[in-house]
């Protein structure tokens, strides 16, 4: 089985883990780019996706919160349109499970992703997506919930 991890931020990423191989991409520049990334990942053994559950953040502007929410909804719609089943996961759940609670410091999750995926050049854009996909892989492998 293959697992997709999605960090839905505008500067987020999308990762695919399948049979020990990993593919990762920054969020597409356009909506069509993002759709094509997800569609190409769907060609891999009927993947299951985990998308980070998002909400507005303190001190985040109204326009920024709106764009974030639109992107999140668009990604969910793309998954449905392509036929990729998915679950949402909170940052606290996957970070706690992988022992990399960031408290907002992206360097924490980037370091953890680089530790787990030394063969990939991890960036701030791709780190969370990699870790979300790894979270999905592990909870399915272990047959338990990550909560």
N, C-alpha and C. Protein backbone atom coordinates (compact mmCIF):
# COMPACT_ATOMS: atom_id res chain seq x y z
N UNK A 1 0.85 -1.18 0.00
CA UNK A 1 0.00 0.00 0.00
C UNK A 1 0.89 1.23 0.00
N UNK A 2 0.41 2.31 -0.58
CA UNK A 2 1.17 3.55 -0.61
C UNK A 2 0.41 4.62 0.17
N UNK A 3 1.19 5.58 0.66
CA UNK A 3 0.63 6.63 1.52
C UNK A 3 1.07 7.99 1.03
N UNK A 4 0.10 8.90 0.99
CA UNK A 4 0.36 10.27 0.59
C UNK A 4 0.22 11.13 1.84
N UNK A 5 1.15 12.04 2.04
CA UNK A 5 1.07 13.03 3.11
C UNK A 5 0.95 14.41 2.48
N UNK A 6 0.03 15.20 2.99
CA UNK A 6 -0.19 16.53 2.42
C UNK A 6 -0.13 17.60 3.51
N UNK A 7 0.79 18.54 3.32
CA UNK A 7 0.85 19.76 4.12
C UNK A 7 0.17 20.82 3.26
N UNK A 8 -1.07 21.21 3.60
CA UNK A 8 -1.87 22.03 2.70
C UNK A 8 -1.52 23.51 2.61
N UNK A 9 -0.50 23.95 3.30
CA UNK A 9 -0.14 25.36 3.20
C UNK A 9 0.30 25.74 1.79
N UNK A 10 0.21 27.01 1.46
CA UNK A 10 0.61 27.47 0.13
C UNK A 10 2.08 27.14 -0.13
N UNK A 11 2.88 27.09 0.93
CA UNK A 11 4.29 26.72 0.77
C UNK A 11 4.51 25.31 1.31
N UNK A 12 3.46 24.49 1.30
CA UNK A 12 3.54 23.12 1.79
C UNK A 12 4.02 22.17 0.71
N UNK A 13 3.73 20.89 0.93
CA UNK A 13 4.19 19.89 -0.01
C UNK A 13 3.30 18.66 -0.01
N UNK A 14 3.65 17.74 -0.91
CA UNK A 14 2.92 16.49 -1.07
C UNK A 14 3.96 15.38 -1.20
N UNK A 15 3.83 14.34 -0.38
CA UNK A 15 4.79 13.24 -0.39
C UNK A 15 4.08 11.92 -0.61
N UNK A 16 4.78 10.98 -1.23
CA UNK A 16 4.28 9.63 -1.46
C UNK A 16 5.31 8.64 -0.95
N UNK A 17 4.86 7.71 -0.12
CA UNK A 17 5.73 6.63 0.36
C UNK A 17 5.11 5.32 -0.11
N UNK A 18 5.93 4.53 -0.82
CA UNK A 18 5.46 3.24 -1.32
C UNK A 18 6.62 2.26 -1.33
N UNK A 19 6.44 1.15 -0.63
CA UNK A 19 7.42 0.06 -0.64
C UNK A 19 8.86 0.54 -0.48
N UNK A 20 9.09 1.40 0.47
CA UNK A 20 10.44 1.86 0.74
C UNK A 20 10.94 2.98 -0.16
N UNK A 21 10.18 3.34 -1.18
CA UNK A 21 10.59 4.47 -2.02
C UNK A 21 9.74 5.69 -1.66
N UNK A 22 10.32 6.84 -1.88
CA UNK A 22 9.67 8.09 -1.48
C UNK A 22 9.78 9.10 -2.61
N UNK A 23 8.67 9.78 -2.88
CA UNK A 23 8.63 10.86 -3.86
C UNK A 23 8.04 12.06 -3.14
N UNK A 24 8.61 13.22 -3.36
CA UNK A 24 8.10 14.40 -2.68
C UNK A 24 8.13 15.59 -3.63
N UNK A 25 7.15 16.48 -3.48
CA UNK A 25 7.07 17.67 -4.32
C UNK A 25 6.56 18.84 -3.48
N UNK A 26 7.04 20.02 -3.82
CA UNK A 26 6.46 21.22 -3.23
C UNK A 26 5.05 21.37 -3.79
N UNK A 27 4.20 22.08 -3.09
CA UNK A 27 2.86 22.34 -3.58
C UNK A 27 2.98 22.97 -4.96
N UNK A 28 2.12 22.58 -5.88
CA UNK A 28 2.18 23.10 -7.23
C UNK A 28 2.04 24.61 -7.29
N UNK A 29 2.62 25.20 -8.32
CA UNK A 29 2.52 26.64 -8.50
C UNK A 29 1.08 27.03 -8.82
N UNK A 30 0.44 26.21 -9.65
CA UNK A 30 -0.96 26.46 -9.99
C UNK A 30 -1.82 25.30 -9.46
N UNK A 31 -3.11 25.51 -9.46
CA UNK A 31 -4.02 24.46 -9.04
C UNK A 31 -3.88 23.24 -9.96
N UNK A 32 -3.70 23.47 -11.25
CA UNK A 32 -3.54 22.38 -12.21
C UNK A 32 -2.27 21.59 -11.88
N UNK A 33 -1.18 22.27 -11.52
CA UNK A 33 0.06 21.59 -11.14
C UNK A 33 -0.17 20.66 -9.96
N UNK A 34 -0.85 21.16 -8.95
CA UNK A 34 -1.13 20.37 -7.75
C UNK A 34 -1.98 19.16 -8.10
N UNK A 35 -3.00 19.38 -8.91
CA UNK A 35 -3.87 18.28 -9.34
C UNK A 35 -3.06 17.20 -10.06
N UNK A 36 -2.16 17.62 -10.93
CA UNK A 36 -1.34 16.66 -11.68
C UNK A 36 -0.39 15.89 -10.78
N UNK A 37 0.14 16.53 -9.74
CA UNK A 37 0.99 15.82 -8.77
C UNK A 37 0.17 14.73 -8.10
N UNK A 38 -1.01 15.10 -7.60
CA UNK A 38 -1.86 14.11 -6.92
C UNK A 38 -2.29 13.00 -7.87
N UNK A 39 -2.61 13.37 -9.09
CA UNK A 39 -3.04 12.37 -10.07
C UNK A 39 -1.90 11.39 -10.38
N UNK A 40 -0.68 11.90 -10.47
CA UNK A 40 0.45 11.00 -10.73
C UNK A 40 0.69 10.07 -9.54
N UNK A 41 0.48 10.56 -8.33
CA UNK A 41 0.64 9.72 -7.15
C UNK A 41 -0.45 8.66 -7.07
N UNK A 42 -1.63 8.96 -7.62
CA UNK A 42 -2.75 8.02 -7.59
C UNK A 42 -2.51 6.80 -8.47
N UNK A 43 -1.54 6.88 -9.36
CA UNK A 43 -1.21 5.75 -10.23
C UNK A 43 -0.44 4.68 -9.47
N UNK A 44 -0.12 4.95 -8.23
CA UNK A 44 0.69 4.04 -7.42
C UNK A 44 -0.19 3.22 -6.48
N UNK A 45 -0.58 2.05 -6.86
CA UNK A 45 -1.15 1.07 -5.93
C UNK A 45 -2.25 1.60 -5.01
N UNK A 46 -3.19 2.32 -5.54
CA UNK A 46 -4.32 2.83 -4.76
C UNK A 46 -3.88 3.43 -3.42
N UNK A 47 -3.32 4.62 -3.45
CA UNK A 47 -2.79 5.22 -2.22
C UNK A 47 -3.90 5.66 -1.27
N UNK A 48 -3.51 5.82 -0.03
CA UNK A 48 -4.38 6.41 0.98
C UNK A 48 -3.68 7.69 1.42
N UNK A 49 -4.43 8.79 1.51
CA UNK A 49 -3.83 10.09 1.84
C UNK A 49 -4.18 10.53 3.25
N UNK A 50 -3.24 11.24 3.83
CA UNK A 50 -3.42 11.92 5.11
C UNK A 50 -3.16 13.39 4.84
N UNK A 51 -4.16 14.20 5.12
CA UNK A 51 -4.03 15.64 4.91
C UNK A 51 -4.10 16.32 6.27
N UNK A 52 -3.17 17.23 6.49
CA UNK A 52 -3.13 17.91 7.78
C UNK A 52 -4.38 18.75 7.95
N UNK A 53 -5.05 18.55 9.07
CA UNK A 53 -6.24 19.31 9.42
C UNK A 53 -5.80 20.71 9.85
N UNK A 54 -6.38 21.70 9.24
CA UNK A 54 -5.92 23.06 9.50
C UNK A 54 -7.04 23.93 10.05
N UNK A 55 -6.62 24.99 10.67
CA UNK A 55 -7.54 26.00 11.18
C UNK A 55 -6.79 27.32 11.21
N UNK A 56 -7.49 28.40 11.44
CA UNK A 56 -6.81 29.69 11.49
C UNK A 56 -5.92 29.74 12.73
N UNK A 57 -4.88 30.53 12.62
CA UNK A 57 -3.90 30.63 13.69
C UNK A 57 -3.97 32.03 14.30
N UNK A 58 -3.67 32.15 15.59
CA UNK A 58 -3.61 33.48 16.19
C UNK A 58 -2.61 34.35 15.43
N UNK A 59 -2.94 35.59 15.27
CA UNK A 59 -2.10 36.58 14.60
C UNK A 59 -1.99 36.36 13.09
N UNK A 60 -2.77 35.40 12.56
CA UNK A 60 -2.79 35.20 11.11
C UNK A 60 -3.87 36.11 10.55
N UNK A 61 -3.56 36.86 9.53
CA UNK A 61 -4.51 37.81 8.95
C UNK A 61 -5.71 37.12 8.34
N UNK A 62 -6.77 37.90 8.17
CA UNK A 62 -8.01 37.37 7.61
C UNK A 62 -7.79 36.86 6.18
N UNK A 63 -7.09 37.63 5.36
CA UNK A 63 -6.85 37.22 3.98
C UNK A 63 -6.01 35.94 3.94
N UNK A 64 -5.01 35.86 4.79
CA UNK A 64 -4.15 34.68 4.84
C UNK A 64 -4.94 33.46 5.29
N UNK A 65 -5.78 33.61 6.30
CA UNK A 65 -6.61 32.51 6.78
C UNK A 65 -7.56 32.04 5.69
N UNK A 66 -8.12 32.99 4.94
CA UNK A 66 -9.04 32.64 3.87
C UNK A 66 -8.32 31.84 2.79
N UNK A 67 -7.14 32.29 2.36
CA UNK A 67 -6.38 31.58 1.32
C UNK A 67 -6.02 30.17 1.78
N UNK A 68 -5.64 30.05 3.05
CA UNK A 68 -5.28 28.75 3.62
C UNK A 68 -6.47 27.81 3.58
N UNK A 69 -7.63 28.32 3.98
CA UNK A 69 -8.85 27.51 3.98
C UNK A 69 -9.28 27.10 2.58
N UNK A 70 -9.15 28.02 1.62
CA UNK A 70 -9.49 27.71 0.23
C UNK A 70 -8.59 26.61 -0.28
N UNK A 71 -7.28 26.71 -0.02
CA UNK A 71 -6.33 25.70 -0.47
C UNK A 71 -6.64 24.34 0.14
N UNK A 72 -6.97 24.32 1.42
CA UNK A 72 -7.32 23.09 2.12
C UNK A 72 -8.56 22.44 1.48
N UNK A 73 -9.58 23.23 1.24
CA UNK A 73 -10.80 22.71 0.62
C UNK A 73 -10.56 22.23 -0.80
N UNK A 74 -9.73 22.96 -1.53
CA UNK A 74 -9.40 22.56 -2.89
C UNK A 74 -8.68 21.22 -2.90
N UNK A 75 -7.74 21.03 -2.00
CA UNK A 75 -7.01 19.76 -1.92
C UNK A 75 -7.95 18.60 -1.59
N UNK A 76 -8.86 18.81 -0.66
CA UNK A 76 -9.83 17.77 -0.32
C UNK A 76 -10.68 17.43 -1.55
N UNK A 77 -11.10 18.46 -2.28
CA UNK A 77 -11.89 18.24 -3.49
C UNK A 77 -11.11 17.49 -4.56
N UNK A 78 -9.83 17.80 -4.68
CA UNK A 78 -8.99 17.09 -5.66
C UNK A 78 -8.87 15.61 -5.30
N UNK A 79 -8.66 15.33 -4.02
CA UNK A 79 -8.56 13.93 -3.59
C UNK A 79 -9.84 13.17 -3.91
N UNK A 80 -10.97 13.80 -3.65
CA UNK A 80 -12.27 13.18 -3.93
C UNK A 80 -12.43 12.96 -5.44
N UNK A 81 -12.09 13.98 -6.24
CA UNK A 81 -12.25 13.88 -7.69
C UNK A 81 -11.37 12.79 -8.29
N UNK A 82 -10.16 12.64 -7.77
CA UNK A 82 -9.23 11.64 -8.28
C UNK A 82 -9.57 10.24 -7.75
N UNK A 83 -10.29 10.21 -6.63
CA UNK A 83 -10.67 8.92 -6.05
C UNK A 83 -9.68 8.40 -5.02
N UNK A 84 -8.96 9.30 -4.39
CA UNK A 84 -8.00 8.91 -3.36
C UNK A 84 -8.69 9.05 -1.99
N UNK A 85 -8.88 7.93 -1.29
CA UNK A 85 -9.47 8.04 0.05
C UNK A 85 -8.49 8.75 0.97
N UNK A 86 -9.03 9.46 1.97
CA UNK A 86 -8.16 10.22 2.85
C UNK A 86 -8.76 10.39 4.24
N UNK A 87 -7.89 10.74 5.15
CA UNK A 87 -8.26 11.14 6.51
C UNK A 87 -7.52 12.42 6.82
N UNK A 88 -8.09 13.19 7.72
CA UNK A 88 -7.38 14.36 8.21
C UNK A 88 -6.64 13.98 9.49
N UNK A 89 -5.55 14.66 9.74
CA UNK A 89 -4.76 14.42 10.94
C UNK A 89 -4.29 15.77 11.47
N UNK A 90 -4.39 15.95 12.77
CA UNK A 90 -3.95 17.22 13.35
C UNK A 90 -2.43 17.24 13.47
N UNK A 91 -1.86 18.43 13.42
CA UNK A 91 -0.41 18.52 13.61
C UNK A 91 0.03 17.90 14.94
N UNK A 92 -0.73 18.11 15.99
CA UNK A 92 -0.37 17.55 17.29
C UNK A 92 -0.31 16.03 17.25
N UNK A 93 -1.26 15.39 16.54
CA UNK A 93 -1.30 13.92 16.47
C UNK A 93 -0.07 13.35 15.78
N UNK A 94 0.23 13.83 14.57
CA UNK A 94 1.35 13.24 13.85
C UNK A 94 2.69 13.64 14.47
N UNK A 95 2.79 14.85 14.99
CA UNK A 95 4.05 15.27 15.61
C UNK A 95 4.30 14.50 16.91
N UNK A 96 3.27 14.29 17.69
CA UNK A 96 3.43 13.52 18.93
C UNK A 96 3.81 12.07 18.61
N UNK A 97 3.15 11.48 17.62
CA UNK A 97 3.41 10.09 17.25
C UNK A 97 4.85 9.90 16.76
N UNK A 98 5.36 10.88 16.02
CA UNK A 98 6.72 10.80 15.48
C UNK A 98 7.76 11.47 16.38
N UNK A 99 7.32 11.93 17.53
CA UNK A 99 8.20 12.56 18.52
C UNK A 99 8.97 13.75 17.95
N UNK A 100 8.22 14.66 17.36
CA UNK A 100 8.85 15.87 16.81
C UNK A 100 7.93 17.08 16.98
N UNK A 101 7.44 17.28 18.18
CA UNK A 101 6.54 18.40 18.43
C UNK A 101 7.29 19.71 18.20
N UNK A 102 6.82 20.46 17.24
CA UNK A 102 7.57 21.63 16.78
C UNK A 102 7.23 22.92 17.52
N UNK A 103 6.04 23.01 18.06
CA UNK A 103 5.57 24.25 18.69
C UNK A 103 5.78 25.44 17.75
N UNK A 104 5.59 25.19 16.46
CA UNK A 104 5.70 26.25 15.46
C UNK A 104 7.09 26.40 14.85
N UNK A 105 8.07 25.70 15.35
CA UNK A 105 9.43 25.80 14.81
C UNK A 105 9.62 24.77 13.70
N UNK A 106 9.56 25.22 12.44
CA UNK A 106 9.67 24.32 11.29
C UNK A 106 11.02 23.59 11.25
N UNK A 107 12.03 24.12 11.92
CA UNK A 107 13.34 23.45 11.93
C UNK A 107 13.27 22.10 12.64
N UNK A 108 12.36 21.97 13.60
CA UNK A 108 12.21 20.71 14.34
C UNK A 108 11.71 19.62 13.39
N UNK A 109 10.65 19.92 12.62
CA UNK A 109 10.11 18.90 11.72
C UNK A 109 11.05 18.67 10.53
N UNK A 110 11.74 19.71 10.10
CA UNK A 110 12.70 19.52 9.00
C UNK A 110 13.82 18.57 9.44
N UNK A 111 14.33 18.76 10.65
CA UNK A 111 15.40 17.89 11.16
C UNK A 111 14.92 16.44 11.29
N UNK A 112 13.70 16.25 11.78
CA UNK A 112 13.16 14.89 11.92
C UNK A 112 12.98 14.23 10.55
N UNK A 113 12.47 14.98 9.59
CA UNK A 113 12.28 14.44 8.24
C UNK A 113 13.63 14.08 7.62
N UNK A 114 14.63 14.90 7.83
CA UNK A 114 15.95 14.61 7.26
C UNK A 114 16.55 13.37 7.91
N UNK A 115 16.29 13.19 9.22
CA UNK A 115 16.76 12.00 9.92
C UNK A 115 16.10 10.73 9.36
N UNK A 116 14.79 10.81 9.12
CA UNK A 116 14.06 9.64 8.62
C UNK A 116 14.26 9.38 7.13
N UNK A 117 14.58 10.43 6.38
CA UNK A 117 14.73 10.33 4.93
C UNK A 117 16.07 10.93 4.51
N UNK A 118 17.17 10.32 4.91
CA UNK A 118 18.49 10.91 4.62
C UNK A 118 18.83 10.97 3.13
N UNK A 119 18.16 10.18 2.31
CA UNK A 119 18.41 10.13 0.88
C UNK A 119 17.68 11.23 0.10
N UNK A 120 16.88 12.04 0.80
CA UNK A 120 16.09 13.09 0.15
C UNK A 120 16.55 14.44 0.67
N UNK A 121 16.59 15.43 -0.23
CA UNK A 121 16.88 16.79 0.20
C UNK A 121 15.58 17.36 0.77
N UNK A 122 15.52 17.43 2.08
CA UNK A 122 14.32 17.91 2.76
C UNK A 122 14.37 19.44 2.86
N UNK A 123 13.25 20.06 2.58
CA UNK A 123 13.13 21.52 2.72
C UNK A 123 11.99 21.83 3.69
N UNK A 124 11.87 23.10 4.06
CA UNK A 124 10.75 23.48 4.92
C UNK A 124 9.43 23.21 4.20
N UNK A 125 9.41 23.28 2.89
CA UNK A 125 8.19 23.05 2.11
C UNK A 125 7.77 21.58 2.10
N UNK A 126 8.74 20.67 2.19
CA UNK A 126 8.42 19.25 2.03
C UNK A 126 8.47 18.44 3.33
N UNK A 127 9.07 18.98 4.37
CA UNK A 127 9.29 18.22 5.61
C UNK A 127 7.99 17.69 6.21
N UNK A 128 7.01 18.54 6.39
CA UNK A 128 5.78 18.11 7.04
C UNK A 128 5.04 17.07 6.20
N UNK A 129 5.02 17.25 4.88
CA UNK A 129 4.35 16.28 4.01
C UNK A 129 5.01 14.91 4.14
N UNK A 130 6.33 14.87 4.17
CA UNK A 130 7.04 13.60 4.36
C UNK A 130 6.66 12.96 5.68
N UNK A 131 6.64 13.75 6.73
CA UNK A 131 6.33 13.21 8.06
C UNK A 131 4.87 12.76 8.16
N UNK A 132 3.97 13.47 7.52
CA UNK A 132 2.56 13.07 7.54
C UNK A 132 2.38 11.74 6.80
N UNK A 133 3.06 11.57 5.66
CA UNK A 133 3.00 10.31 4.93
C UNK A 133 3.61 9.18 5.78
N UNK A 134 4.72 9.45 6.44
CA UNK A 134 5.36 8.45 7.30
C UNK A 134 4.46 8.09 8.48
N UNK A 135 3.79 9.07 9.04
CA UNK A 135 2.81 8.83 10.10
C UNK A 135 1.75 7.84 9.59
N UNK A 136 1.20 8.11 8.41
CA UNK A 136 0.18 7.23 7.84
C UNK A 136 0.71 5.82 7.64
N UNK A 137 1.90 5.72 7.10
CA UNK A 137 2.51 4.40 6.87
C UNK A 137 2.66 3.64 8.19
N UNK A 138 3.16 4.32 9.21
CA UNK A 138 3.40 3.65 10.48
C UNK A 138 2.12 3.23 11.19
N UNK A 139 1.12 4.09 11.21
CA UNK A 139 -0.09 3.69 11.94
C UNK A 139 -0.80 2.54 11.22
N UNK A 140 -0.67 2.47 9.91
CA UNK A 140 -1.26 1.35 9.17
C UNK A 140 -0.44 0.09 9.35
N UNK A 141 0.87 0.23 9.38
CA UNK A 141 1.75 -0.92 9.59
C UNK A 141 1.54 -1.52 10.98
N UNK A 142 1.34 -0.65 11.95
CA UNK A 142 1.16 -1.09 13.32
C UNK A 142 -0.28 -1.45 13.66
N UNK A 143 -1.18 -1.16 12.72
CA UNK A 143 -2.59 -1.50 12.93
C UNK A 143 -3.25 -0.75 14.06
N UNK A 144 -2.79 0.47 14.28
CA UNK A 144 -3.43 1.25 15.35
C UNK A 144 -3.67 2.67 14.91
N UNK A 145 -4.36 3.39 15.73
CA UNK A 145 -4.66 4.79 15.48
C UNK A 145 -3.51 5.62 16.02
N UNK A 146 -3.26 6.74 15.37
CA UNK A 146 -2.21 7.61 15.84
C UNK A 146 -2.62 8.52 16.95
N UNK A 147 -3.91 8.56 17.26
CA UNK A 147 -4.42 9.47 18.30
C UNK A 147 -4.06 9.01 19.70
